[in-house]
C-alpha atoms as a PDB file:
ATOM      1  CA  MET A   1     121.174 102.039  81.855  1.00  0.00           C
ATOM      2  CA  ILE A   2     121.361 100.223  85.219  1.00  0.00           C
ATOM      3  CA  PRO A   3     118.134 100.741  87.237  1.00  0.00           C
ATOM      4  CA  ILE A   4     118.463 102.376  90.655  1.00  0.00           C
ATOM      5  CA  PRO A   5     117.416  99.893  93.374  1.00  0.00           C
ATOM      6  CA  SER A   6     114.242 100.670  95.299  1.00  0.00           C
ATOM      7  CA  PHE A   7     115.875 100.262  98.722  1.00  0.00           C
ATOM      8  CA  ASN A   8     119.030  98.813 100.239  1.00  0.00           C
ATOM      9  CA  ILE A   9     117.801  96.219 102.733  1.00  0.00           C
ATOM     10  CA  SER A  10     119.666  93.966 105.158  1.00  0.00           C
ATOM     11  CA  LEU A  11     118.164  90.615 106.139  1.00  0.00           C
ATOM     12  CA  ILE A  12     119.569  89.478 109.476  1.00  0.00           C
ATOM     13  CA  TYR A  13     119.053  85.827 110.352  1.00  0.00           C
ATOM     14  CA  TYR A  14     120.567  83.053 112.441  1.00  0.00           C
ATOM     15  CA  PRO A  15     121.141  79.672 110.717  1.00  0.00           C
ATOM     16  CA  PHE A  16     120.402  77.713 113.909  1.00  0.00           C
ATOM     17  CA  PHE A  17     116.957  76.971 112.459  1.00  0.00           C
ATOM     18  CA  GLU A  18     116.596  75.500 108.966  1.00  0.00           C
ATOM     19  CA  TRP A  19     113.251  77.228 108.519  1.00  0.00           C
ATOM     20  CA  ASN A  20     114.895  80.579 109.354  1.00  0.00           C
ATOM     21  CA  VAL A  21     117.278  80.091 106.421  1.00  0.00           C
ATOM     22  CA  ARG A  22     114.328  79.250 104.144  1.00  0.00           C
ATOM     23  CA  GLU A  23     112.476  82.284 105.492  1.00  0.00           C
ATOM     24  CA  ALA A  24     115.425  84.574 104.715  1.00  0.00           C
ATOM     25  CA  ASN A  25     115.695  83.201 101.176  1.00  0.00           C
ATOM     26  CA  ASP A  26     111.929  83.526 100.586  1.00  0.00           C
ATOM     27  CA  ILE A  27     111.951  87.151 101.718  1.00  0.00           C
ATOM     28  CA  LYS A  28     115.090  87.907  99.714  1.00  0.00           C
ATOM     29  CA  SER A  29     113.403  86.695  96.522  1.00  0.00           C
ATOM     30  CA  ALA A  30     110.280  88.774  97.244  1.00  0.00           C
ATOM     31  CA  LEU A  31     112.339  91.888  97.918  1.00  0.00           C
ATOM     32  CA  GLU A  32     114.448  91.472  94.795  1.00  0.00           C
ATOM     33  CA  ALA A  33     111.282  91.144  92.717  1.00  0.00           C
ATOM     34  CA  PHE A  34     110.597  94.778  93.679  1.00  0.00           C
ATOM     35  CA  GLY A  35     114.059  95.936  92.655  1.00  0.00           C
ATOM     36  CA  ASN A  36     115.579  96.077  96.135  1.00  0.00           C
ATOM     37  CA  LYS A  37     119.261  95.418  96.759  1.00  0.00           C
ATOM     38  CA  VAL A  38     119.346  92.785  99.486  1.00  0.00           C
ATOM     39  CA  PHE A  39     122.215  91.895 101.820  1.00  0.00           C
ATOM     40  CA  LEU A  40     122.074  88.663 103.827  1.00  0.00           C
ATOM     41  CA  HIS A  41     123.774  89.125 107.197  1.00  0.00           C
ATOM     42  CA  LEU A  42     124.351  86.516 109.868  1.00  0.00           C
ATOM     43  CA  ALA A  43     123.670  87.452 113.476  1.00  0.00           C
ATOM     44  CA  ASP A  44     127.269  87.047 114.618  1.00  0.00           C
ATOM     45  CA  HIS A  45     130.206  89.053 115.992  1.00  0.00           C
ATOM     46  CA  ASP A  46     130.777  90.725 112.599  1.00  0.00           C
ATOM     47  CA  LEU A  47     127.254  92.096 112.353  1.00  0.00           C
ATOM     48  CA  ILE A  48     127.921  95.722 113.301  1.00  0.00           C
ATOM     49  CA  TYR A  49     130.862  95.872 110.902  1.00  0.00           C
ATOM     50  CA  ASN A  50     128.767  94.343 108.107  1.00  0.00           C
ATOM     51  CA  LEU A  51     125.860  96.717 108.685  1.00  0.00           C
ATOM     52  CA  ARG A  52     128.226  99.688 108.399  1.00  0.00           C
ATOM     53  CA  LYS A  53     129.922  98.476 105.205  1.00  0.00           C
ATOM     54  CA  GLN A  54     127.233  99.865 102.915  1.00  0.00           C
ATOM     55  CA  PRO A  55     124.455 102.450 103.253  1.00  0.00           C
ATOM     56  CA  LEU A  56     121.229 100.730 104.300  1.00  0.00           C
ATOM     57  CA  ASP A  57     117.681 102.025 104.181  1.00  0.00           C
ATOM     58  CA  LEU A  58     116.070  99.218 106.174  1.00  0.00           C
ATOM     59  CA  VAL A  59     116.980  96.202 108.278  1.00  0.00           C
ATOM     60  CA  PHE A  60     114.702  93.154 108.324  1.00  0.00           C
ATOM     61  CA  ASN A  61     115.285  91.399 111.641  1.00  0.00           C
ATOM     62  CA  LEU A  62     114.543  87.673 111.377  1.00  0.00           C
ATOM     63  CA  THR A  63     116.486  86.497 114.408  1.00  0.00           C
ATOM     64  CA  ARG A  64     114.837  84.418 117.086  1.00  0.00           C
ATOM     65  CA  ASN A  65     116.304  83.228 120.359  1.00  0.00           C
ATOM     66  CA  PRO A  66     118.057  79.856 120.622  1.00  0.00           C
ATOM     67  CA  ALA A  67     118.463  78.778 124.255  1.00  0.00           C
ATOM     68  CA  GLY A  68     120.457  81.263 126.306  1.00  0.00           C
ATOM     69  CA  THR A  69     120.403  84.088 123.742  1.00  0.00           C
ATOM     70  CA  VAL A  70     118.614  87.427 123.409  1.00  0.00           C
ATOM     71  CA  PHE A  71     119.061  88.068 119.699  1.00  0.00           C
ATOM     72  CA  ASP A  72     115.682  89.747 119.169  1.00  0.00           C
ATOM     73  CA  TYR A  73     116.192  92.876 121.226  1.00  0.00           C
ATOM     74  CA  THR A  74     119.987  92.847 120.790  1.00  0.00           C
ATOM     75  CA  ILE A  75     119.492  93.286 117.037  1.00  0.00           C
ATOM     76  CA  SER A  76     116.873  95.960 117.711  1.00  0.00           C
ATOM     77  CA  ALA A  77     119.307  97.834 119.951  1.00  0.00           C
ATOM     78  CA  ILE A  78     122.082  97.646 117.342  1.00  0.00           C
ATOM     79  CA  CYS A  79     119.783  99.075 114.667  1.00  0.00           C
ATOM     80  CA  GLU A  80     118.695 101.899 116.956  1.00  0.00           C
ATOM     81  CA  LEU A  81     122.347 102.640 117.756  1.00  0.00           C
ATOM     82  CA  LEU A  82     123.239 102.743 114.058  1.00  0.00           C
ATOM     83  CA  GLU A  83     120.079 104.755 113.273  1.00  0.00           C
ATOM     84  CA  ILE A  84     118.815 102.270 110.680  1.00  0.00           C
ATOM     85  CA  THR A  85     115.061 101.780 110.338  1.00  0.00           C
ATOM     86  CA  LEU A  86     114.098  98.360 111.655  1.00  0.00           C
ATOM     87  CA  ILE A  87     111.475  95.972 110.313  1.00  0.00           C
ATOM     88  CA  GLY A  88     110.503  93.940 113.343  1.00  0.00           C
ATOM     89  CA  PRO A  89     110.054  94.482 117.098  1.00  0.00           C
ATOM     90  CA  LYS A  90     111.683  97.401 118.889  1.00  0.00           C
ATOM     91  CA  VAL A  91     113.832  97.019 122.010  1.00  0.00           C
ATOM     92  CA  PHE A  92     110.991  97.802 124.424  1.00  0.00           C
ATOM     93  CA  THR A  93     108.525  95.419 122.781  1.00  0.00           C
ATOM     94  CA  ALA A  94     111.011  92.558 122.464  1.00  0.00           C
ATOM     95  CA  SER A  95     112.178  92.845 126.068  1.00  0.00           C
ATOM     96  CA  VAL A  96     108.636  93.092 127.491  1.00  0.00           C
ATOM     97  CA  CYS A  97     107.361  90.108 125.502  1.00  0.00           C
ATOM     98  CA  ARG A  98     110.301  88.054 126.720  1.00  0.00           C
ATOM     99  CA  ASP A  99     109.170  88.556 130.328  1.00  0.00           C
ATOM    100  CA  LYS A 100     105.717  87.002 130.746  1.00  0.00           C
ATOM    101  CA  GLU A 101     105.144  88.591 134.150  1.00  0.00           C
ATOM    102  CA  THR A 102     105.831  92.112 132.829  1.00  0.00           C
ATOM    103  CA  LEU A 103     103.808  91.413 129.706  1.00  0.00           C
ATOM    104  CA  THR A 104     100.813  90.321 131.790  1.00  0.00           C
ATOM    105  CA  LEU A 105     101.052  93.365 134.059  1.00  0.00           C
ATOM    106  CA  ILE A 106     101.100  95.793 131.124  1.00  0.00           C
ATOM    107  CA  LEU A 107      98.195  94.148 129.334  1.00  0.00           C
ATOM    108  CA  LYS A 108      96.062  93.883 132.472  1.00  0.00           C
ATOM    109  CA  HIS A 109      96.793  97.534 133.264  1.00  0.00           C
ATOM    110  CA  ASP A 110      95.400  98.400 129.829  1.00  0.00           C
ATOM    111  CA  GLY A 111      92.302  96.276 130.401  1.00  0.00           C
ATOM    112  CA  ILE A 112      93.341  93.434 128.072  1.00  0.00           C
ATOM    113  CA  PRO A 113      92.400  89.941 129.344  1.00  0.00           C
ATOM    114  CA  ILE A 114      95.143  87.340 129.034  1.00  0.00           C
ATOM    115  CA  LEU A 115      95.315  83.640 129.886  1.00  0.00           C
ATOM    116  CA  GLU A 116      98.608  81.976 130.747  1.00  0.00           C
ATOM    117  CA  LYS A 117      99.881  78.442 131.208  1.00  0.00           C
ATOM    118  CA  LEU A 118      96.872  76.980 129.445  1.00  0.00           C
ATOM    119  CA  ALA A 119      97.185  74.945 126.263  1.00  0.00           C
ATOM    120  CA  PRO A 120      95.246  76.489 123.343  1.00  0.00           C
ATOM    121  CA  HIS A 121      93.845  73.110 122.265  1.00  0.00           C
ATOM    122  CA  LYS A 122      91.744  73.066 125.445  1.00  0.00           C
ATOM    123  CA  PHE A 123      89.653  75.873 124.018  1.00  0.00           C
ATOM    124  CA  PRO A 124      87.205  74.891 121.265  1.00  0.00           C
ATOM    125  CA  ARG A 125      86.925  78.520 120.117  1.00  0.00           C
ATOM    126  CA  TYR A 126      90.623  79.057 119.496  1.00  0.00           C
ATOM    127  CA  ILE A 127      91.661  81.242 116.545  1.00  0.00           C
ATOM    128  CA  GLN A 128      94.764  82.801 115.034  1.00  0.00           C
ATOM    129  CA  VAL A 129      94.949  86.442 114.047  1.00  0.00           C
ATOM    130  CA  PHE A 130      97.625  88.204 112.008  1.00  0.00           C
ATOM    131  CA  LEU A 131      98.208  91.960 111.851  1.00  0.00           C
ATOM    132  CA  LEU A 132     100.137  93.986 109.279  1.00  0.00           C
ATOM    133  CA  ASP A 133     100.932  97.471 110.466  1.00  0.00           C
ATOM    134  CA  SER A 134      99.938 100.454 108.333  1.00  0.00           C
ATOM    135  CA  THR A 135      98.017 103.721 108.686  1.00  0.00           C
ATOM    136  CA  ASN A 136      94.962 101.489 108.996  1.00  0.00           C
ATOM    137  CA  PRO A 137      96.295  98.115 110.210  1.00  0.00           C
ATOM    138  CA  LEU A 138      95.362  95.085 108.115  1.00  0.00           C
ATOM    139  CA  ILE A 139      93.995  92.208 110.187  1.00  0.00           C
ATOM    140  CA  PHE A 140      93.572  88.649 108.963  1.00  0.00           C
ATOM    141  CA  ILE A 141      91.628  86.037 110.935  1.00  0.00           C
ATOM    142  CA  LYS A 142      92.236  82.298 110.575  1.00  0.00           C
ATOM    143  CA  LEU A 143      89.372  80.178 111.866  1.00  0.00           C
ATOM    144  CA  PRO A 144      89.463  76.421 112.450  1.00  0.00           C
ATOM    145  CA  SER A 145      87.528  74.412 109.913  1.00  0.00           C
ATOM    146  CA  LYS A 146      83.739  74.496 110.419  1.00  0.00           C
ATOM    147  CA  MET A 147      84.011  77.364 112.907  1.00  0.00           C
ATOM    148  CA  LYS A 148      82.054  80.539 112.198  1.00  0.00           C
ATOM    149  CA  ILE A 149      81.880  83.848 114.038  1.00  0.00           C
ATOM    150  CA  THR A 150      79.477  86.764 113.864  1.00  0.00           C
ATOM    151  CA  SER A 151      80.368  90.118 112.347  1.00  0.00           C
ATOM    152  CA  GLN A 152      80.190  91.557 115.869  1.00  0.00           C
ATOM    153  CA  ALA A 153      82.790  89.034 117.076  1.00  0.00           C
ATOM    154  CA  GLU A 154      85.024  89.857 114.118  1.00  0.00           C
ATOM    155  CA  ALA A 155      84.838  93.566 114.984  1.00  0.00           C
ATOM    156  CA  LYS A 156      85.689  92.795 118.621  1.00  0.00           C
ATOM    157  CA  ILE A 157      88.683  90.694 117.574  1.00  0.00           C
ATOM    158  CA  LYS A 158      90.086  93.384 115.299  1.00  0.00           C
ATOM    159  CA  GLN A 159      89.713  96.100 117.922  1.00  0.00           C
ATOM    160  CA  PHE A 160      91.240  93.780 120.540  1.00  0.00           C
ATOM    161  CA  CYS A 161      94.321  93.092 118.392  1.00  0.00           C
ATOM    162  CA  LYS A 162      94.813  96.765 117.555  1.00  0.00           C
ATOM    163  CA  LYS A 163      94.679  97.620 121.249  1.00  0.00           C
ATOM    164  CA  ILE A 164      97.344  95.026 122.107  1.00  0.00           C
ATOM    165  CA  PHE A 165      99.524  96.247 119.232  1.00  0.00           C
ATOM    166  CA  GLN A 166      99.359  99.805 120.576  1.00  0.00           C
ATOM    167  CA  SER A 167      99.733  98.787 124.220  1.00  0.00           C
ATOM    168  CA  LEU A 168     103.002  96.958 123.550  1.00  0.00           C
ATOM    169  CA  HIS A 169     104.293  99.513 121.017  1.00  0.00           C
ATOM    170  CA  CYS A 170     104.567  96.793 118.391  1.00  0.00           C
ATOM    171  CA  SER A 171     105.700  97.531 114.859  1.00  0.00           C
ATOM    172  CA  SER A 172     105.554  95.962 111.396  1.00  0.00           C
ATOM    173  CA  PHE A 173     103.552  92.786 112.186  1.00  0.00           C
ATOM    174  CA  CYS A 174     102.179  90.544 114.888  1.00  0.00           C
ATOM    175  CA  GLU A 175     100.550  87.146 115.365  1.00  0.00           C
ATOM    176  CA  TYR A 176      97.996  86.380 118.067  1.00  0.00           C
ATOM    177  CA  GLU A 177      96.486  83.233 119.501  1.00  0.00           C
ATOM    178  CA  ILE A 178      93.062  84.083 120.885  1.00  0.00           C
ATOM    179  CA  TYR A 179      90.237  82.297 122.697  1.00  0.00           C
ATOM    180  CA  LEU A 180      86.653  83.446 122.337  1.00  0.00           C
ATOM    181  CA  ASP A 181      84.532  83.027 125.438  1.00  0.00           C
ATOM    182  CA  GLN A 182      80.809  82.187 125.422  1.00  0.00           C
ATOM    183  CA  ASN A 183      79.933  85.827 124.746  1.00  0.00           C
ATOM    184  CA  GLU A 184      82.424  86.008 121.857  1.00  0.00           C
ATOM    185  CA  ASN A 185      84.769  88.227 123.849  1.00  0.00           C
ATOM    186  CA  PRO A 186      88.431  87.691 122.901  1.00  0.00           C
ATOM    187  CA  ILE A 187      91.020  86.632 125.483  1.00  0.00           C
ATOM    188  CA  LEU A 188      94.718  86.567 124.624  1.00  0.00           C
ATOM    189  CA  LEU A 189      96.491  83.222 124.860  1.00  0.00           C
ATOM    190  CA  ASN A 190      99.763  84.128 123.175  1.00  0.00           C
ATOM    191  CA  ILE A 191     101.400  86.859 121.118  1.00  0.00           C
ATOM    192  CA  ASP A 192     104.274  86.491 118.657  1.00  0.00           C
ATOM    193  CA  ILE A 193     105.897  89.813 117.752  1.00  0.00           C
ATOM    194  CA  LEU A 194     108.254  88.144 115.266  1.00  0.00           C
ATOM    195  CA  PRO A 195     106.132  85.495 113.523  1.00  0.00           C
ATOM    196  CA  ASN A 196     107.420  83.133 110.880  1.00  0.00           C
ATOM    197  CA  LEU A 197     107.279  84.960 107.538  1.00  0.00           C
ATOM    198  CA  GLU A 198     108.235  81.958 105.433  1.00  0.00           C
ATOM    199  CA  LYS A 199     106.213  81.544 102.242  1.00  0.00           C
ATOM    200  CA  ILE A 200     104.481  78.394 103.511  1.00  0.00           C
ATOM    201  CA  ALA A 201     103.920  79.675 107.078  1.00  0.00           C
ATOM    202  CA  ASP A 202     100.492  80.459 108.514  1.00  0.00           C
ATOM    203  CA  PHE A 203     100.873  84.234 108.236  1.00  0.00           C
ATOM    204  CA  ALA A 204     101.553  84.339 104.499  1.00  0.00           C
ATOM    205  CA  THR A 205      99.051  81.614 103.621  1.00  0.00           C
ATOM    206  CA  THR A 206      96.287  83.253 105.676  1.00  0.00           C
ATOM    207  CA  VAL A 207      96.924  86.610 103.991  1.00  0.00           C
ATOM    208  CA  LYS A 208      96.649  84.921 100.604  1.00  0.00           C
ATOM    209  CA  ASN A 209      93.612  82.783 101.445  1.00  0.00           C
ATOM    210  CA  THR A 210      91.587  85.590 103.054  1.00  0.00           C
ATOM    211  CA  LYS A 211      92.530  88.603 100.914  1.00  0.00           C
ATOM    212  CA  GLY A 212      94.190  87.166  97.810  1.00  0.00           C
ATOM    213  CA  ILE A 213      97.481  88.953  98.529  1.00  0.00           C
ATOM    214  CA  ASP A 214     100.355  86.933  97.084  1.00  0.00           C
ATOM    215  CA  TYR A 215     103.642  86.446  98.928  1.00  0.00           C
ATOM    216  CA  THR A 216     105.677  89.023  97.021  1.00  0.00           C
ATOM    217  CA  LYS A 217     103.084  91.727  97.654  1.00  0.00           C
ATOM    218  CA  PHE A 218     102.717  90.651 101.290  1.00  0.00           C
ATOM    219  CA  ILE A 219     106.422  91.091 102.019  1.00  0.00           C
ATOM    220  CA  ASN A 220     106.660  94.372 100.162  1.00  0.00           C
ATOM    221  CA  LEU A 221     103.640  95.808 101.981  1.00  0.00           C
ATOM    222  CA  ILE A 222     105.684  95.270 105.149  1.00  0.00           C
ATOM    223  CA  VAL A 223     108.595  97.121 103.549  1.00  0.00           C
ATOM    224  CA  LEU A 224     106.364  99.942 102.310  1.00  0.00           C
ATOM    225  CA  ASN A 225     105.019 100.545 105.822  1.00  0.00           C
ATOM    226  CA  ALA A 226     108.540 100.651 107.291  1.00  0.00           C
ATOM    227  CA  ALA A 227     109.703 102.993 104.543  1.00  0.00           C
ATOM    228  CA  SER A 228     106.742 105.279 105.209  1.00  0.00           C
ATOM    229  CA  ARG A 229     107.571 105.365 108.935  1.00  0.00           C
ATOM    230  CA  ALA A 230     111.127 106.398 108.028  1.00  0.00           C
ATOM    231  CA  ASN A 231     109.915 108.986 105.490  1.00  0.00           C
ATOM    232  CA  LEU A 232     111.774 107.214 102.697  1.00  0.00           C
ATOM    233  CA  PRO A 233     110.512 108.211  99.234  1.00  0.00           C
ATOM    234  CA  ARG A 234     108.596 105.635  97.222  1.00  0.00           C
ATOM    235  CA  THR A 235     110.446 104.411  94.159  1.00  0.00           C
ATOM    236  CA  GLY A 236     109.983 101.790  91.441  1.00  0.00           C
ATOM    237  CA  PRO A 237     107.151  99.293  92.035  1.00  0.00           C
ATOM    238  CA  TYR A 238     106.355 100.867  95.415  1.00  0.00           C
ATOM    239  CA  LEU A 239     104.881 103.875  93.607  1.00  0.00           C
ATOM    240  CA  SER A 240     101.854 101.819  92.623  1.00  0.00           C
ATOM    241  CA  LEU A 241     101.767  99.327  95.526  1.00  0.00           C
ATOM    242  CA  LYS A 242      98.568  99.316  97.525  1.00  0.00           C
ATOM    243  CA  VAL A 243      96.274  96.782  99.171  1.00  0.00           C
END
């Protein structure tokens, strides 16, 4: 008897970047390990036709923006039009984060401090933070070697990142570059709403190094959250998947 696939998932990518191709292949392998049927789709003029060729449960948007393009929120808009649940930034979030002036205005309105046009290496207390969306978002902090922070600072950082995530209506995942001031208050330097999800990238390695979550589980936790948002029933390995 042929097993029923967990989900039908499209991976949309643009081969302009070699690492984007590797990323798509890494994610494809992780998804197939959980019994998903995966379709690799190029971000080109045939995309809408290809997305409509077979029933899809989820679309994993991996497109970034080569010079002169707006693939991120174009793909988001297509998925919303076709009523397919998207893994990745929504139209609003992608468009706001593309406009630094609008982004700054929204964050400042919500009381979130942000620094612009300043190189992160100028700040000795620079850290990276990664967030996986869920009912209770999972937050992973990557500190530079030899740097330590207090439990109070860690709590501040996590609350800070959750607030930004909500303020910008982010979904699925997010990466932050943050500076801690002398009082261990976080200040945003940069936000990436579509971080590199390649197996060797900072996000996946930090998740593994801090919480022991391997790459296959990491990717499928992202899928599980999206499926839950879309009220898709758990099947196969997702029945027992938890952090």
